[in-house]
Structures are given as structure tokens and as C-alpha cells.
Amino acid sequence: MTFGIYIRERREALRQSDRRFSVRQVAQRIGVEPAYLSKIERDETAPPSEEKIRTLAVELGEDADVLLAMAGKVSSDLLEIIRQRPQLFAELIRQMKAAPEHAILRVVRQVRDGEW
């Protein structure tokens, strides 16, 4: 599923119970023109900036990192972390690519909890 289609489906699902989720109203709240948001949702234009994606994530109750990934982008704070040790993080990500989710979660918890 593309970024635009996902955004449209999520917004329209929210609109079913709350009329404030029309294209026009969501666009106004995130600070873009309704026509621009409509083009994004129809995949007629590239996804917006990181800042707008983050704002849209809050508006739709979505995880910003997930939306950024769907848009083919990486959060600027993650990019900075990778830039500090590019070889190590590249190797880590490549090694984790085939790991099952539970193994990745275990590593995350160990690092987060300082048990490494």
C-alpha cells in the first residue's frame, strides 16, 4: 500500500465517525492546501516533508516513524545517529534484516534497559 492510499484510507475511516476529518479540514490543521493533500492521497505528488508527515501522524493518530518509512523517508534524528557511526549501523541493520521480530524486540529491550 502506498503512503497516499494509506493516508486517505486512514483519514476516511476517521471521517466515518468524525466529520472533522474531511480533506479540507485535515489539510487546514496540518498547514497545507486541500488540493495538495488530495494529490498526496491520490499518489499524484510525492509525500510531504518530514515536518508535515509528523504533523499528519499526530492528526491521524499514527506512528510518525511508520508514516515516514511508508513515504520512503527516515527521521532526521535517526539519520543523525546513523551519520555518527554509519558502518556499525549499516551492519546492524543488515544483520537484523532476516531476524524474527521477537529477536529484534529482545535486542531493543536489552539496549533500552541497559542489560547489554
N, C-alpha and C. Protein backbone atom coordinates (compact mmCIF):
# COMPACT_ATOMS: atom_id res chain seq x y z
N MET A 1 0.85 -1.17 0.00
CA MET A 1 0.00 0.00 0.00
C MET A 1 0.89 1.24 0.00
N THR A 2 0.55 2.19 -0.80
CA THR A 2 1.35 3.42 -0.89
C THR A 2 1.04 4.36 0.27
N PHE A 3 1.93 5.31 0.47
CA PHE A 3 1.76 6.33 1.50
C PHE A 3 0.42 7.05 1.30
N GLY A 4 0.18 7.53 0.08
CA GLY A 4 -1.02 8.31 -0.18
C GLY A 4 -2.30 7.52 0.07
N ILE A 5 -2.35 6.31 -0.41
CA ILE A 5 -3.55 5.48 -0.23
C ILE A 5 -3.77 5.20 1.25
N TYR A 6 -2.70 4.91 1.97
CA TYR A 6 -2.82 4.65 3.40
C TYR A 6 -3.38 5.87 4.12
N ILE A 7 -2.84 7.05 3.81
CA ILE A 7 -3.32 8.28 4.44
C ILE A 7 -4.79 8.50 4.14
N ARG A 8 -5.17 8.33 2.89
CA ARG A 8 -6.57 8.53 2.52
C ARG A 8 -7.48 7.56 3.26
N GLU A 9 -7.09 6.27 3.29
CA GLU A 9 -7.93 5.27 3.96
C GLU A 9 -8.05 5.56 5.45
N ARG A 10 -6.94 5.94 6.07
CA ARG A 10 -6.97 6.25 7.50
C ARG A 10 -7.83 7.47 7.77
N ARG A 11 -7.66 8.53 6.97
CA ARG A 11 -8.45 9.75 7.16
C ARG A 11 -9.93 9.48 6.95
N GLU A 12 -10.27 8.74 5.90
CA GLU A 12 -11.67 8.45 5.62
C GLU A 12 -12.30 7.56 6.69
N ALA A 13 -11.51 6.65 7.25
CA ALA A 13 -12.02 5.82 8.34
C ALA A 13 -12.36 6.69 9.55
N LEU A 14 -11.50 7.66 9.84
CA LEU A 14 -11.77 8.58 10.95
C LEU A 14 -12.96 9.48 10.65
N ARG A 15 -13.13 9.82 9.39
CA ARG A 15 -14.23 10.70 8.98
C ARG A 15 -15.59 10.03 9.17
N GLN A 16 -15.61 8.71 9.15
CA GLN A 16 -16.87 7.99 9.33
C GLN A 16 -17.52 8.34 10.68
N SER A 17 -16.69 8.58 11.68
CA SER A 17 -17.23 8.91 13.00
C SER A 17 -17.01 10.36 13.41
N ASP A 18 -16.25 11.10 12.61
CA ASP A 18 -15.94 12.48 12.96
C ASP A 18 -15.77 13.31 11.69
N ARG A 19 -16.72 14.18 11.42
CA ARG A 19 -16.72 14.97 10.19
C ARG A 19 -15.53 15.91 10.08
N ARG A 20 -14.78 16.10 11.17
CA ARG A 20 -13.61 16.98 11.14
C ARG A 20 -12.47 16.40 10.32
N PHE A 21 -12.62 15.18 9.83
CA PHE A 21 -11.56 14.54 9.07
C PHE A 21 -11.79 14.60 7.56
N SER A 22 -12.45 15.65 7.11
CA SER A 22 -12.55 15.88 5.66
C SER A 22 -11.18 16.31 5.15
N VAL A 23 -10.97 16.20 3.85
CA VAL A 23 -9.69 16.63 3.27
C VAL A 23 -9.43 18.09 3.62
N ARG A 24 -10.43 18.91 3.46
CA ARG A 24 -10.27 20.35 3.69
C ARG A 24 -9.87 20.64 5.14
N GLN A 25 -10.55 20.02 6.09
CA GLN A 25 -10.27 20.32 7.50
C GLN A 25 -8.92 19.74 7.96
N VAL A 26 -8.59 18.54 7.53
CA VAL A 26 -7.30 17.97 7.90
C VAL A 26 -6.18 18.80 7.29
N ALA A 27 -6.33 19.17 6.02
CA ALA A 27 -5.31 20.00 5.36
C ALA A 27 -5.10 21.31 6.12
N GLN A 28 -6.18 21.92 6.53
CA GLN A 28 -6.07 23.18 7.27
C GLN A 28 -5.32 22.97 8.59
N ARG A 29 -5.63 21.90 9.28
CA ARG A 29 -4.99 21.66 10.58
C ARG A 29 -3.50 21.33 10.46
N ILE A 30 -3.10 20.70 9.35
CA ILE A 30 -1.68 20.38 9.20
C ILE A 30 -0.91 21.45 8.43
N GLY A 31 -1.63 22.44 7.93
CA GLY A 31 -0.97 23.58 7.29
C GLY A 31 -0.62 23.40 5.82
N VAL A 32 -1.48 22.69 5.09
CA VAL A 32 -1.28 22.56 3.63
C VAL A 32 -2.60 22.88 2.94
N GLU A 33 -2.52 23.10 1.64
CA GLU A 33 -3.72 23.34 0.85
C GLU A 33 -4.49 22.03 0.67
N PRO A 34 -5.82 22.08 0.68
CA PRO A 34 -6.61 20.87 0.47
C PRO A 34 -6.27 20.16 -0.84
N ALA A 35 -6.02 20.92 -1.90
CA ALA A 35 -5.69 20.31 -3.19
C ALA A 35 -4.38 19.53 -3.10
N TYR A 36 -3.43 20.04 -2.33
CA TYR A 36 -2.15 19.35 -2.15
C TYR A 36 -2.35 18.04 -1.40
N LEU A 37 -3.11 18.05 -0.31
CA LEU A 37 -3.37 16.83 0.44
C LEU A 37 -4.11 15.82 -0.43
N SER A 38 -5.04 16.30 -1.21
CA SER A 38 -5.78 15.42 -2.13
C SER A 38 -4.85 14.76 -3.13
N LYS A 39 -3.91 15.52 -3.68
CA LYS A 39 -2.93 14.96 -4.62
C LYS A 39 -2.03 13.94 -3.95
N ILE A 40 -1.66 14.20 -2.70
CA ILE A 40 -0.85 13.23 -1.95
C ILE A 40 -1.65 11.93 -1.80
N GLU A 41 -2.90 12.06 -1.40
CA GLU A 41 -3.74 10.88 -1.18
C GLU A 41 -4.00 10.09 -2.47
N ARG A 42 -3.93 10.74 -3.60
CA ARG A 42 -4.13 10.05 -4.89
C ARG A 42 -2.80 9.66 -5.53
N ASP A 43 -1.71 9.82 -4.80
CA ASP A 43 -0.37 9.49 -5.29
C ASP A 43 0.00 10.26 -6.55
N GLU A 44 -0.51 11.47 -6.67
CA GLU A 44 -0.19 12.32 -7.81
C GLU A 44 1.01 13.22 -7.53
N THR A 45 1.41 13.26 -6.28
CA THR A 45 2.59 14.04 -5.90
C THR A 45 3.32 13.28 -4.79
N ALA A 46 4.58 13.60 -4.64
CA ALA A 46 5.40 12.92 -3.63
C ALA A 46 4.90 13.27 -2.22
N PRO A 47 5.19 12.40 -1.27
CA PRO A 47 4.82 12.71 0.11
C PRO A 47 5.45 14.03 0.57
N PRO A 48 4.84 14.67 1.56
CA PRO A 48 5.36 15.96 2.02
C PRO A 48 6.63 15.82 2.85
N SER A 49 7.04 16.92 3.42
CA SER A 49 8.26 16.98 4.24
C SER A 49 8.09 16.16 5.52
N GLU A 50 9.22 15.90 6.16
CA GLU A 50 9.19 15.19 7.44
C GLU A 50 8.29 15.92 8.44
N GLU A 51 8.42 17.22 8.51
CA GLU A 51 7.62 18.01 9.45
C GLU A 51 6.13 17.81 9.21
N LYS A 52 5.70 17.87 7.95
CA LYS A 52 4.28 17.70 7.63
C LYS A 52 3.83 16.26 7.90
N ILE A 53 4.68 15.29 7.63
CA ILE A 53 4.34 13.90 7.91
C ILE A 53 4.17 13.70 9.41
N ARG A 54 5.04 14.30 10.20
CA ARG A 54 4.91 14.19 11.66
C ARG A 54 3.60 14.82 12.14
N THR A 55 3.26 15.98 11.60
CA THR A 55 2.02 16.65 11.97
C THR A 55 0.82 15.80 11.55
N LEU A 56 0.89 15.23 10.36
CA LEU A 56 -0.18 14.36 9.87
C LEU A 56 -0.32 13.12 10.74
N ALA A 57 0.80 12.57 11.18
CA ALA A 57 0.77 11.39 12.05
C ALA A 57 0.01 11.69 13.34
N VAL A 58 0.31 12.82 13.95
CA VAL A 58 -0.40 13.22 15.17
C VAL A 58 -1.88 13.37 14.88
N GLU A 59 -2.20 14.05 13.81
CA GLU A 59 -3.59 14.30 13.43
C GLU A 59 -4.37 13.01 13.23
N LEU A 60 -3.74 12.01 12.62
CA LEU A 60 -4.42 10.76 12.31
C LEU A 60 -4.23 9.69 13.38
N GLY A 61 -3.46 10.00 14.41
CA GLY A 61 -3.21 9.02 15.47
C GLY A 61 -2.32 7.88 15.02
N GLU A 62 -1.36 8.19 14.17
CA GLU A 62 -0.45 7.18 13.62
C GLU A 62 0.96 7.39 14.14
N ASP A 63 1.80 6.40 13.99
CA ASP A 63 3.20 6.48 14.37
C ASP A 63 3.98 7.22 13.28
N ALA A 64 4.66 8.28 13.65
CA ALA A 64 5.38 9.10 12.67
C ALA A 64 6.46 8.31 11.95
N ASP A 65 7.18 7.44 12.66
CA ASP A 65 8.24 6.66 12.02
C ASP A 65 7.68 5.72 10.96
N VAL A 66 6.50 5.16 11.22
CA VAL A 66 5.87 4.27 10.24
C VAL A 66 5.48 5.07 8.99
N LEU A 67 4.86 6.23 9.20
CA LEU A 67 4.47 7.05 8.04
C LEU A 67 5.69 7.53 7.27
N LEU A 68 6.74 7.91 7.98
CA LEU A 68 7.97 8.33 7.30
C LEU A 68 8.53 7.19 6.46
N ALA A 69 8.55 6.00 7.00
CA ALA A 69 9.06 4.84 6.25
C ALA A 69 8.19 4.58 5.03
N MET A 70 6.87 4.68 5.18
CA MET A 70 5.98 4.49 4.04
C MET A 70 6.24 5.52 2.95
N ALA A 71 6.66 6.71 3.39
CA ALA A 71 6.95 7.80 2.45
C ALA A 71 8.35 7.69 1.87
N GLY A 72 9.11 6.67 2.28
CA GLY A 72 10.47 6.50 1.78
C GLY A 72 11.46 7.43 2.45
N LYS A 73 11.14 7.84 3.68
CA LYS A 73 12.00 8.79 4.39
C LYS A 73 12.43 8.19 5.73
N VAL A 74 13.48 8.75 6.28
CA VAL A 74 13.96 8.36 7.60
C VAL A 74 13.98 9.62 8.45
N SER A 75 13.55 9.48 9.68
CA SER A 75 13.51 10.59 10.61
C SER A 75 14.89 11.26 10.72
N SER A 76 14.89 12.58 10.79
CA SER A 76 16.16 13.31 10.85
C SER A 76 16.98 12.94 12.07
N ASP A 77 16.33 12.62 13.19
CA ASP A 77 17.10 12.23 14.37
C ASP A 77 17.78 10.88 14.15
N LEU A 78 17.12 9.96 13.44
CA LEU A 78 17.74 8.68 13.12
C LEU A 78 18.90 8.84 12.14
N LEU A 79 18.72 9.72 11.17
CA LEU A 79 19.80 9.98 10.22
C LEU A 79 21.04 10.49 10.93
N GLU A 80 20.85 11.36 11.91
CA GLU A 80 21.99 11.90 12.66
C GLU A 80 22.69 10.79 13.44
N ILE A 81 21.92 9.90 14.03
CA ILE A 81 22.51 8.79 14.77
C ILE A 81 23.32 7.90 13.82
N ILE A 82 22.76 7.60 12.66
CA ILE A 82 23.45 6.77 11.67
C ILE A 82 24.72 7.46 11.18
N ARG A 83 24.66 8.76 10.96
CA ARG A 83 25.84 9.51 10.49
C ARG A 83 27.01 9.44 11.47
N GLN A 84 26.71 9.29 12.74
CA GLN A 84 27.78 9.22 13.75
C GLN A 84 28.55 7.91 13.66
N ARG A 85 27.90 6.82 13.26
CA ARG A 85 28.56 5.51 13.14
C ARG A 85 27.97 4.75 11.95
N PRO A 86 28.17 5.24 10.75
CA PRO A 86 27.50 4.67 9.59
C PRO A 86 27.80 3.19 9.34
N GLN A 87 29.04 2.79 9.48
CA GLN A 87 29.38 1.39 9.20
C GLN A 87 28.73 0.45 10.21
N LEU A 88 28.77 0.82 11.48
CA LEU A 88 28.19 -0.03 12.51
C LEU A 88 26.68 -0.18 12.35
N PHE A 89 26.00 0.94 12.11
CA PHE A 89 24.55 0.86 11.98
C PHE A 89 24.13 0.17 10.69
N ALA A 90 24.88 0.36 9.63
CA ALA A 90 24.59 -0.36 8.38
C ALA A 90 24.71 -1.86 8.59
N GLU A 91 25.77 -2.28 9.25
CA GLU A 91 25.97 -3.71 9.52
C GLU A 91 24.88 -4.24 10.44
N LEU A 92 24.54 -3.49 11.47
CA LEU A 92 23.48 -3.91 12.40
C LEU A 92 22.16 -4.11 11.67
N ILE A 93 21.79 -3.14 10.87
CA ILE A 93 20.51 -3.22 10.16
C ILE A 93 20.52 -4.38 9.17
N ARG A 94 21.62 -4.56 8.46
CA ARG A 94 21.70 -5.68 7.50
C ARG A 94 21.62 -7.03 8.21
N GLN A 95 22.26 -7.15 9.35
CA GLN A 95 22.21 -8.41 10.11
C GLN A 95 20.82 -8.66 10.68
N MET A 96 20.12 -7.61 11.06
CA MET A 96 18.79 -7.74 11.66
C MET A 96 17.70 -7.97 10.62
N LYS A 97 18.04 -7.76 9.36
CA LYS A 97 17.05 -7.86 8.29
C LYS A 97 16.28 -9.18 8.31
N ALA A 98 16.97 -10.27 8.49
CA ALA A 98 16.33 -11.58 8.44
C ALA A 98 15.93 -12.10 9.82
N ALA A 99 16.25 -11.36 10.87
CA ALA A 99 15.94 -11.82 12.23
C ALA A 99 14.43 -11.76 12.47
N PRO A 100 13.92 -12.72 13.22
CA PRO A 100 12.49 -12.68 13.56
C PRO A 100 12.20 -11.48 14.47
N GLU A 101 10.99 -11.03 14.44
CA GLU A 101 10.61 -9.84 15.20
C GLU A 101 10.91 -10.00 16.69
N HIS A 102 10.65 -11.16 17.25
CA HIS A 102 10.88 -11.34 18.69
C HIS A 102 12.37 -11.17 19.04
N ALA A 103 13.26 -11.55 18.14
CA ALA A 103 14.70 -11.38 18.39
C ALA A 103 15.07 -9.90 18.35
N ILE A 104 14.50 -9.17 17.43
CA ILE A 104 14.76 -7.73 17.34
C ILE A 104 14.24 -7.03 18.59
N LEU A 105 13.04 -7.41 19.01
CA LEU A 105 12.47 -6.81 20.22
C LEU A 105 13.34 -7.10 21.45
N ARG A 106 13.91 -8.30 21.51
CA ARG A 106 14.78 -8.65 22.63
C ARG A 106 16.01 -7.74 22.66
N VAL A 107 16.60 -7.51 21.50
CA VAL A 107 17.77 -6.62 21.42
C VAL A 107 17.38 -5.19 21.83
N VAL A 108 16.25 -4.73 21.34
CA VAL A 108 15.80 -3.38 21.69
C VAL A 108 15.61 -3.26 23.20
N ARG A 109 14.96 -4.24 23.79
CA ARG A 109 14.73 -4.20 25.25
C ARG A 109 16.04 -4.25 26.02
N GLN A 110 16.98 -5.06 25.58
CA GLN A 110 18.27 -5.16 26.27
C GLN A 110 19.01 -3.83 26.24
N VAL A 111 19.02 -3.18 25.08
CA VAL A 111 19.70 -1.90 24.96
C VAL A 111 18.96 -0.84 25.77
N ARG A 112 17.66 -0.81 25.65
CA ARG A 112 16.85 0.18 26.38
C ARG A 112 17.02 0.05 27.90
N ASP A 113 17.04 -1.20 28.38
CA ASP A 113 17.12 -1.45 29.81
C ASP A 113 18.56 -1.47 30.34
N GLY A 114 19.53 -1.34 29.45
CA GLY A 114 20.93 -1.34 29.87
C GLY A 114 21.44 -2.70 30.28
N GLU A 115 20.84 -3.74 29.77
CA GLU A 115 21.22 -5.12 30.12
C GLU A 115 22.13 -5.74 29.07
N TRP A 116 23.02 -4.99 28.51
CA TRP A 116 23.90 -5.49 27.47
C TRP A 116 25.26 -5.22 27.88
